[in-house]
ModelCIF file with pLDDT and N, C-alpha, C, O atoms, coordinates in Angstrom:
data_MODEL
#
_entry.id   MODEL 
#
_entity.id                         1 
_entity.type                       polymer 
_entity.pdbx_number_of_molecules   1 
#
_entity_poly.entity_id                      1 
_entity_poly.type                           'polypeptide(L)' 
_entity_poly.nstd_linkage                   no 
_entity_poly.nstd_monomer                   no 
_entity_poly.pdbx_seq_one_letter_code       LDEDQDQRSLDFGLDHFTHAILFLGLAYGVEHPASGV 
_entity_poly.pdbx_seq_one_letter_code_can   LDEDQDQRSLDFGLDHFTHAILFLGLAYGVEHPASGV 
_entity_poly.pdbx_strand_id                 A 
#
loop_
_entity_poly_seq.entity_id 
_entity_poly_seq.num 
_entity_poly_seq.mon_id 
_entity_poly_seq.hetero 
1 1  LEU n 
1 2  ASP n 
1 3  GLU n 
1 4  ASP n 
1 5  GLN n 
1 6  ASP n 
1 7  GLN n 
1 8  ARG n 
1 9  SER n 
1 10 LEU n 
1 11 ASP n 
1 12 PHE n 
1 13 GLY n 
1 14 LEU n 
1 15 ASP n 
1 16 HIS n 
1 17 PHE n 
1 18 THR n 
1 19 HIS n 
1 20 ALA n 
1 21 ILE n 
1 22 LEU n 
1 23 PHE n 
1 24 LEU n 
1 25 GLY n 
1 26 LEU n 
1 27 ALA n 
1 28 TYR n 
1 29 GLY n 
1 30 VAL n 
1 31 GLU n 
1 32 HIS n 
1 33 PRO n 
1 34 ALA n 
1 35 SER n 
1 36 GLY n 
1 37 VAL n 
#
_struct_asym.id          A 
_struct_asym.entity_id   1 
#
loop_
_ma_qa_metric.id 
_ma_qa_metric.mode 
_ma_qa_metric.name 
_ma_qa_metric.software_group_id 
_ma_qa_metric.type 
1 global pLDDT . pLDDT 
2 local  pLDDT . pLDDT 
#
_ma_qa_metric_global.metric_id      1 
_ma_qa_metric_global.metric_value   80.68 
_ma_qa_metric_global.model_id       1 
_ma_qa_metric_global.ordinal_id     1 
#
loop_
_ma_qa_metric_local.label_asym_id 
_ma_qa_metric_local.label_comp_id 
_ma_qa_metric_local.label_seq_id 
_ma_qa_metric_local.metric_id 
_ma_qa_metric_local.metric_value 
_ma_qa_metric_local.model_id 
_ma_qa_metric_local.ordinal_id 
A LEU 1  2 76.00 1 1  
A ASP 2  2 72.00 1 2  
A GLU 3  2 70.00 1 3  
A ASP 4  2 77.00 1 4  
A GLN 5  2 80.00 1 5  
A ASP 6  2 82.00 1 6  
A GLN 7  2 80.00 1 7  
A ARG 8  2 82.00 1 8  
A SER 9  2 85.00 1 9  
A LEU 10 2 85.00 1 10 
A ASP 11 2 83.00 1 11 
A PHE 12 2 86.00 1 12 
A GLY 13 2 88.00 1 13 
A LEU 14 2 88.00 1 14 
A ASP 15 2 88.00 1 15 
A HIS 16 2 90.00 1 16 
A PHE 17 2 91.00 1 17 
A THR 18 2 91.00 1 18 
A HIS 19 2 90.00 1 19 
A ALA 20 2 91.00 1 20 
A ILE 21 2 92.00 1 21 
A LEU 22 2 92.00 1 22 
A PHE 23 2 90.00 1 23 
A LEU 24 2 90.00 1 24 
A GLY 25 2 89.00 1 25 
A LEU 26 2 87.00 1 26 
A ALA 27 2 85.00 1 27 
A TYR 28 2 84.00 1 28 
A GLY 29 2 84.00 1 29 
A VAL 30 2 78.00 1 30 
A GLU 31 2 78.00 1 31 
A HIS 32 2 75.00 1 32 
A PRO 33 2 69.00 1 33 
A ALA 34 2 67.00 1 34 
A SER 35 2 55.00 1 35 
A GLY 36 2 49.00 1 36 
A VAL 37 2 46.00 1 37 
#
loop_
_atom_site.group_PDB 
_atom_site.id 
_atom_site.type_symbol 
_atom_site.label_atom_id 
_atom_site.label_alt_id 
_atom_site.label_comp_id 
_atom_site.label_asym_id 
_atom_site.label_entity_id 
_atom_site.label_seq_id 
_atom_site.pdbx_PDB_ins_code 
_atom_site.Cartn_x 
_atom_site.Cartn_y 
_atom_site.Cartn_z 
_atom_site.occupancy 
_atom_site.B_iso_or_equiv 
_atom_site.pdbx_formal_charge 
_atom_site.auth_seq_id 
_atom_site.auth_comp_id 
_atom_site.auth_asym_id 
_atom_site.auth_atom_id 
_atom_site.pdbx_PDB_model_num 
ATOM 1   N N  . LEU A 1 1  ? -5.304 -14.904 -20.302 1.00 76.00 ? 1  LEU A N  1 
ATOM 2   C CA . LEU A 1 1  ? -4.753 -16.080 -19.863 1.00 76.00 ? 1  LEU A CA 1 
ATOM 3   C C  . LEU A 1 1  ? -3.276 -16.337 -19.509 1.00 76.00 ? 1  LEU A C  1 
ATOM 4   O O  . LEU A 1 1  ? -2.701 -17.410 -19.330 1.00 76.00 ? 1  LEU A O  1 
ATOM 5   N N  . ASP A 1 2  ? -2.811 -15.076 -19.454 1.00 72.00 ? 2  ASP A N  1 
ATOM 6   C CA . ASP A 1 2  ? -1.003 -14.767 -19.476 1.00 72.00 ? 2  ASP A CA 1 
ATOM 7   C C  . ASP A 1 2  ? -0.774 -14.244 -17.902 1.00 72.00 ? 2  ASP A C  1 
ATOM 8   O O  . ASP A 1 2  ? 0.153  -13.464 -17.686 1.00 72.00 ? 2  ASP A O  1 
ATOM 9   N N  . GLU A 1 3  ? -1.715 -14.729 -16.711 1.00 70.00 ? 3  GLU A N  1 
ATOM 10  C CA . GLU A 1 3  ? -0.882 -14.311 -15.491 1.00 70.00 ? 3  GLU A CA 1 
ATOM 11  C C  . GLU A 1 3  ? 0.232  -15.238 -15.629 1.00 70.00 ? 3  GLU A C  1 
ATOM 12  O O  . GLU A 1 3  ? 0.251  -16.340 -16.177 1.00 70.00 ? 3  GLU A O  1 
ATOM 13  N N  . ASP A 1 4  ? 1.370  -14.447 -14.898 1.00 77.00 ? 4  ASP A N  1 
ATOM 14  C CA . ASP A 1 4  ? 2.346  -15.413 -13.982 1.00 77.00 ? 4  ASP A CA 1 
ATOM 15  C C  . ASP A 1 4  ? 2.937  -14.906 -12.827 1.00 77.00 ? 4  ASP A C  1 
ATOM 16  O O  . ASP A 1 4  ? 2.621  -13.768 -12.481 1.00 77.00 ? 4  ASP A O  1 
ATOM 17  N N  . GLN A 1 5  ? 3.717  -15.527 -12.186 1.00 80.00 ? 5  GLN A N  1 
ATOM 18  C CA . GLN A 1 5  ? 3.830  -15.270 -10.803 1.00 80.00 ? 5  GLN A CA 1 
ATOM 19  C C  . GLN A 1 5  ? 4.619  -13.865 -10.812 1.00 80.00 ? 5  GLN A C  1 
ATOM 20  O O  . GLN A 1 5  ? 4.285  -13.073 -9.931  1.00 80.00 ? 5  GLN A O  1 
ATOM 21  N N  . ASP A 1 6  ? 5.647  -13.462 -11.725 1.00 82.00 ? 6  ASP A N  1 
ATOM 22  C CA . ASP A 1 6  ? 6.103  -12.299 -11.926 1.00 82.00 ? 6  ASP A CA 1 
ATOM 23  C C  . ASP A 1 6  ? 5.415  -11.024 -11.697 1.00 82.00 ? 6  ASP A C  1 
ATOM 24  O O  . ASP A 1 6  ? 5.605  -10.151 -10.850 1.00 82.00 ? 6  ASP A O  1 
ATOM 25  N N  . GLN A 1 7  ? 4.316  -11.159 -12.944 1.00 80.00 ? 7  GLN A N  1 
ATOM 26  C CA . GLN A 1 7  ? 3.505  -10.202 -13.223 1.00 80.00 ? 7  GLN A CA 1 
ATOM 27  C C  . GLN A 1 7  ? 2.437  -10.106 -11.885 1.00 80.00 ? 7  GLN A C  1 
ATOM 28  O O  . GLN A 1 7  ? 1.890  -9.024  -11.674 1.00 80.00 ? 7  GLN A O  1 
ATOM 29  N N  . ARG A 1 8  ? 2.236  -10.949 -11.239 1.00 82.00 ? 8  ARG A N  1 
ATOM 30  C CA . ARG A 1 8  ? 1.423  -10.889 -9.827  1.00 82.00 ? 8  ARG A CA 1 
ATOM 31  C C  . ARG A 1 8  ? 2.250  -10.189 -8.884  1.00 82.00 ? 8  ARG A C  1 
ATOM 32  O O  . ARG A 1 8  ? 1.659  -9.306  -8.261  1.00 82.00 ? 8  ARG A O  1 
ATOM 33  N N  . SER A 1 9  ? 3.545  -10.366 -8.601  1.00 85.00 ? 9  SER A N  1 
ATOM 34  C CA . SER A 1 9  ? 4.438  -9.931  -7.675  1.00 85.00 ? 9  SER A CA 1 
ATOM 35  C C  . SER A 1 9  ? 4.548  -8.562  -7.900  1.00 85.00 ? 9  SER A C  1 
ATOM 36  O O  . SER A 1 9  ? 4.476  -7.815  -6.924  1.00 85.00 ? 9  SER A O  1 
ATOM 37  N N  . LEU A 1 10 ? 4.735  -8.031  -9.193  1.00 85.00 ? 10 LEU A N  1 
ATOM 38  C CA . LEU A 1 10 ? 5.024  -6.708  -9.455  1.00 85.00 ? 10 LEU A CA 1 
ATOM 39  C C  . LEU A 1 10 ? 3.938  -5.790  -9.127  1.00 85.00 ? 10 LEU A C  1 
ATOM 40  O O  . LEU A 1 10 ? 4.064  -4.701  -8.567  1.00 85.00 ? 10 LEU A O  1 
ATOM 41  N N  . ASP A 1 11 ? 2.765  -6.384  -9.567  1.00 83.00 ? 11 ASP A N  1 
ATOM 42  C CA . ASP A 1 11 ? 1.520  -5.602  -9.306  1.00 83.00 ? 11 ASP A CA 1 
ATOM 43  C C  . ASP A 1 11 ? 1.195  -5.763  -7.760  1.00 83.00 ? 11 ASP A C  1 
ATOM 44  O O  . ASP A 1 11 ? 0.621  -4.814  -7.225  1.00 83.00 ? 11 ASP A O  1 
ATOM 45  N N  . PHE A 1 12 ? 1.510  -6.884  -6.989  1.00 86.00 ? 12 PHE A N  1 
ATOM 46  C CA . PHE A 1 12 ? 1.154  -6.641  -5.448  1.00 86.00 ? 12 PHE A CA 1 
ATOM 47  C C  . PHE A 1 12 ? 2.035  -5.755  -4.919  1.00 86.00 ? 12 PHE A C  1 
ATOM 48  O O  . PHE A 1 12 ? 1.684  -4.904  -4.101  1.00 86.00 ? 12 PHE A O  1 
ATOM 49  N N  . GLY A 1 13 ? 3.320  -5.898  -5.373  1.00 88.00 ? 13 GLY A N  1 
ATOM 50  C CA . GLY A 1 13 ? 4.112  -4.828  -4.639  1.00 88.00 ? 13 GLY A CA 1 
ATOM 51  C C  . GLY A 1 13 ? 3.967  -3.596  -5.106  1.00 88.00 ? 13 GLY A C  1 
ATOM 52  O O  . GLY A 1 13 ? 4.064  -2.686  -4.283  1.00 88.00 ? 13 GLY A O  1 
ATOM 53  N N  . LEU A 1 14 ? 3.733  -3.298  -6.352  1.00 88.00 ? 14 LEU A N  1 
ATOM 54  C CA . LEU A 1 14 ? 3.258  -1.598  -6.659  1.00 88.00 ? 14 LEU A CA 1 
ATOM 55  C C  . LEU A 1 14 ? 1.993  -1.262  -5.984  1.00 88.00 ? 14 LEU A C  1 
ATOM 56  O O  . LEU A 1 14 ? 1.802  -0.155  -5.481  1.00 88.00 ? 14 LEU A O  1 
ATOM 57  N N  . ASP A 1 15 ? 1.098  -2.251  -5.973  1.00 88.00 ? 15 ASP A N  1 
ATOM 58  C CA . ASP A 1 15 ? -0.095 -1.888  -5.250  1.00 88.00 ? 15 ASP A CA 1 
ATOM 59  C C  . ASP A 1 15 ? 0.053  -1.166  -3.900  1.00 88.00 ? 15 ASP A C  1 
ATOM 60  O O  . ASP A 1 15 ? -0.492 -0.096  -3.630  1.00 88.00 ? 15 ASP A O  1 
ATOM 61  N N  . HIS A 1 16 ? 0.963  -1.971  -2.971  1.00 90.00 ? 16 HIS A N  1 
ATOM 62  C CA . HIS A 1 16 ? 1.019  -1.842  -1.517  1.00 90.00 ? 16 HIS A CA 1 
ATOM 63  C C  . HIS A 1 16 ? 2.276  -0.349  -1.660  1.00 90.00 ? 16 HIS A C  1 
ATOM 64  O O  . HIS A 1 16 ? 2.284  0.559   -0.829  1.00 90.00 ? 16 HIS A O  1 
ATOM 65  N N  . PHE A 1 17 ? 3.006  -0.389  -2.584  1.00 91.00 ? 17 PHE A N  1 
ATOM 66  C CA . PHE A 1 17 ? 3.788  0.829   -2.731  1.00 91.00 ? 17 PHE A CA 1 
ATOM 67  C C  . PHE A 1 17 ? 3.096  2.102   -2.801  1.00 91.00 ? 17 PHE A C  1 
ATOM 68  O O  . PHE A 1 17 ? 3.408  3.001   -2.019  1.00 91.00 ? 17 PHE A O  1 
ATOM 69  N N  . THR A 1 18 ? 1.973  2.296   -3.869  1.00 91.00 ? 18 THR A N  1 
ATOM 70  C CA . THR A 1 18 ? 1.434  3.151   -3.846  1.00 91.00 ? 18 THR A CA 1 
ATOM 71  C C  . THR A 1 18 ? 0.733  3.489   -2.744  1.00 91.00 ? 18 THR A C  1 
ATOM 72  O O  . THR A 1 18 ? 0.885  4.655   -2.380  1.00 91.00 ? 18 THR A O  1 
ATOM 73  N N  . HIS A 1 19 ? 0.078  2.872   -2.165  1.00 90.00 ? 19 HIS A N  1 
ATOM 74  C CA . HIS A 1 19 ? -0.579 2.939   -0.966  1.00 90.00 ? 19 HIS A CA 1 
ATOM 75  C C  . HIS A 1 19 ? -0.011 3.734   -0.074  1.00 90.00 ? 19 HIS A C  1 
ATOM 76  O O  . HIS A 1 19 ? -0.524 4.789   0.297   1.00 90.00 ? 19 HIS A O  1 
ATOM 77  N N  . ALA A 1 20 ? 1.307  3.199   0.417   1.00 91.00 ? 20 ALA A N  1 
ATOM 78  C CA . ALA A 1 20 ? 2.205  3.958   1.352   1.00 91.00 ? 20 ALA A CA 1 
ATOM 79  C C  . ALA A 1 20 ? 2.637  5.143   0.632   1.00 91.00 ? 20 ALA A C  1 
ATOM 80  O O  . ALA A 1 20 ? 2.843  6.125   1.345   1.00 91.00 ? 20 ALA A O  1 
ATOM 81  N N  . ILE A 1 21 ? 2.800  5.260   -0.460  1.00 92.00 ? 21 ILE A N  1 
ATOM 82  C CA . ILE A 1 21 ? 3.438  6.722   -0.804  1.00 92.00 ? 21 ILE A CA 1 
ATOM 83  C C  . ILE A 1 21 ? 2.333  7.516   -1.134  1.00 92.00 ? 21 ILE A C  1 
ATOM 84  O O  . ILE A 1 21 ? 2.551  8.698   -1.399  1.00 92.00 ? 21 ILE A O  1 
ATOM 85  N N  . LEU A 1 22 ? 1.115  7.060   -1.171  1.00 92.00 ? 22 LEU A N  1 
ATOM 86  C CA . LEU A 1 22 ? -0.028 8.222   -1.132  1.00 92.00 ? 22 LEU A CA 1 
ATOM 87  C C  . LEU A 1 22 ? 0.058  8.902   0.097   1.00 92.00 ? 22 LEU A C  1 
ATOM 88  O O  . LEU A 1 22 ? 0.259  10.104  0.274   1.00 92.00 ? 22 LEU A O  1 
ATOM 89  N N  . PHE A 1 23 ? -0.163 7.761   1.161   1.00 90.00 ? 23 PHE A N  1 
ATOM 90  C CA . PHE A 1 23 ? -0.306 8.568   2.560   1.00 90.00 ? 23 PHE A CA 1 
ATOM 91  C C  . PHE A 1 23 ? 1.011  9.265   3.139   1.00 90.00 ? 23 PHE A C  1 
ATOM 92  O O  . PHE A 1 23 ? 1.019  10.091  4.051   1.00 90.00 ? 23 PHE A O  1 
ATOM 93  N N  . LEU A 1 24 ? 2.251  8.726   2.364   1.00 90.00 ? 24 LEU A N  1 
ATOM 94  C CA . LEU A 1 24 ? 3.488  9.488   3.071   1.00 90.00 ? 24 LEU A CA 1 
ATOM 95  C C  . LEU A 1 24 ? 3.311  10.728  2.403   1.00 90.00 ? 24 LEU A C  1 
ATOM 96  O O  . LEU A 1 24 ? 3.471  11.715  3.121   1.00 90.00 ? 24 LEU A O  1 
ATOM 97  N N  . GLY A 1 25 ? 2.989  10.957  1.075   1.00 89.00 ? 25 GLY A N  1 
ATOM 98  C CA . GLY A 1 25 ? 2.559  12.285  0.369   1.00 89.00 ? 25 GLY A CA 1 
ATOM 99  C C  . GLY A 1 25 ? 1.704  13.167  1.137   1.00 89.00 ? 25 GLY A C  1 
ATOM 100 O O  . GLY A 1 25 ? 2.128  14.314  1.275   1.00 89.00 ? 25 GLY A O  1 
ATOM 101 N N  . LEU A 1 26 ? 0.426  12.837  1.744   1.00 87.00 ? 26 LEU A N  1 
ATOM 102 C CA . LEU A 1 26 ? -0.289 13.337  2.463   1.00 87.00 ? 26 LEU A CA 1 
ATOM 103 C C  . LEU A 1 26 ? 0.240  13.848  3.771   1.00 87.00 ? 26 LEU A C  1 
ATOM 104 O O  . LEU A 1 26 ? -0.014 14.991  4.153   1.00 87.00 ? 26 LEU A O  1 
ATOM 105 N N  . ALA A 1 27 ? 1.002  12.974  4.484   1.00 85.00 ? 27 ALA A N  1 
ATOM 106 C CA . ALA A 1 27 ? 1.397  13.210  5.812   1.00 85.00 ? 27 ALA A CA 1 
ATOM 107 C C  . ALA A 1 27 ? 2.400  14.292  5.542   1.00 85.00 ? 27 ALA A C  1 
ATOM 108 O O  . ALA A 1 27 ? 2.312  15.319  6.215   1.00 85.00 ? 27 ALA A O  1 
ATOM 109 N N  . TYR A 1 28 ? 3.258  14.195  4.718   1.00 84.00 ? 28 TYR A N  1 
ATOM 110 C CA . TYR A 1 28 ? 4.296  15.199  4.556   1.00 84.00 ? 28 TYR A CA 1 
ATOM 111 C C  . TYR A 1 28 ? 3.754  16.667  4.503   1.00 84.00 ? 28 TYR A C  1 
ATOM 112 O O  . TYR A 1 28 ? 4.170  17.636  5.138   1.00 84.00 ? 28 TYR A O  1 
ATOM 113 N N  . GLY A 1 29 ? 2.544  16.594  3.437   1.00 84.00 ? 29 GLY A N  1 
ATOM 114 C CA . GLY A 1 29 ? 1.985  17.769  2.987   1.00 84.00 ? 29 GLY A CA 1 
ATOM 115 C C  . GLY A 1 29 ? 1.278  18.258  4.220   1.00 84.00 ? 29 GLY A C  1 
ATOM 116 O O  . GLY A 1 29 ? 1.268  19.477  4.393   1.00 84.00 ? 29 GLY A O  1 
ATOM 117 N N  . VAL A 1 30 ? 0.742  17.560  5.018   1.00 78.00 ? 30 VAL A N  1 
ATOM 118 C CA . VAL A 1 30 ? 0.180  18.173  6.157   1.00 78.00 ? 30 VAL A CA 1 
ATOM 119 C C  . VAL A 1 30 ? 1.247  18.958  7.219   1.00 78.00 ? 30 VAL A C  1 
ATOM 120 O O  . VAL A 1 30 ? 1.086  20.080  7.700   1.00 78.00 ? 30 VAL A O  1 
ATOM 121 N N  . GLU A 1 31 ? 2.187  18.193  7.403   1.00 78.00 ? 31 GLU A N  1 
ATOM 122 C CA . GLU A 1 31 ? 3.330  18.537  8.272   1.00 78.00 ? 31 GLU A CA 1 
ATOM 123 C C  . GLU A 1 31 ? 4.105  19.695  7.979   1.00 78.00 ? 31 GLU A C  1 
ATOM 124 O O  . GLU A 1 31 ? 4.673  20.437  8.781   1.00 78.00 ? 31 GLU A O  1 
ATOM 125 N N  . HIS A 1 32 ? 4.056  19.776  6.521   1.00 75.00 ? 32 HIS A N  1 
ATOM 126 C CA . HIS A 1 32 ? 4.855  20.872  5.834   1.00 75.00 ? 32 HIS A CA 1 
ATOM 127 C C  . HIS A 1 32 ? 4.321  21.607  4.984   1.00 75.00 ? 32 HIS A C  1 
ATOM 128 O O  . HIS A 1 32 ? 4.817  21.741  3.865   1.00 75.00 ? 32 HIS A O  1 
ATOM 129 N N  . PRO A 1 33 ? 3.085  22.287  5.405   1.00 69.00 ? 33 PRO A N  1 
ATOM 130 C CA . PRO A 1 33 ? 2.254  23.138  4.552   1.00 69.00 ? 33 PRO A CA 1 
ATOM 131 C C  . PRO A 1 33 ? 2.788  24.243  3.579   1.00 69.00 ? 33 PRO A C  1 
ATOM 132 O O  . PRO A 1 33 ? 3.618  25.062  3.976   1.00 69.00 ? 33 PRO A O  1 
ATOM 133 N N  . ALA A 1 34 ? 2.398  24.253  2.553   1.00 67.00 ? 34 ALA A N  1 
ATOM 134 C CA . ALA A 1 34 ? 2.676  25.360  1.403   1.00 67.00 ? 34 ALA A CA 1 
ATOM 135 C C  . ALA A 1 34 ? 2.548  26.509  2.162   1.00 67.00 ? 34 ALA A C  1 
ATOM 136 O O  . ALA A 1 34 ? 1.721  26.505  3.074   1.00 67.00 ? 34 ALA A O  1 
ATOM 137 N N  . SER A 1 35 ? 3.313  27.632  1.922   1.00 55.00 ? 35 SER A N  1 
ATOM 138 C CA . SER A 1 35 ? 3.272  28.659  2.651   1.00 55.00 ? 35 SER A CA 1 
ATOM 139 C C  . SER A 1 35 ? 2.175  29.575  1.589   1.00 55.00 ? 35 SER A C  1 
ATOM 140 O O  . SER A 1 35 ? 2.092  29.439  0.368   1.00 55.00 ? 35 SER A O  1 
ATOM 141 N N  . GLY A 1 36 ? 1.526  30.356  2.300   1.00 49.00 ? 36 GLY A N  1 
ATOM 142 C CA . GLY A 1 36 ? 0.388  31.285  1.977   1.00 49.00 ? 36 GLY A CA 1 
ATOM 143 C C  . GLY A 1 36 ? -0.999 30.462  1.889   1.00 49.00 ? 36 GLY A C  1 
ATOM 144 O O  . GLY A 1 36 ? -1.234 29.457  2.559   1.00 49.00 ? 36 GLY A O  1 
ATOM 145 N N  . VAL A 1 37 ? -1.708 30.934  1.137   1.00 46.00 ? 37 VAL A N  1 
ATOM 146 C CA . VAL A 1 37 ? -3.224 30.758  1.143   1.00 46.00 ? 37 VAL A CA 1 
ATOM 147 C C  . VAL A 1 37 ? -3.225 29.253  0.482   1.00 46.00 ? 37 VAL A C  1 
ATOM 148 O O  . VAL A 1 37 ? -4.289 28.667  0.283   1.00 46.00 ? 37 VAL A O  1 
#
């Protein structure tokens, strides 16, 4: 019972950041594949 607006904002911001960064990491990995097998 200790939710506060700062915690919610941090959680909300990190949620959206993590979704974006995962897609960006995947996109970069597809565009610039590792050399070799």
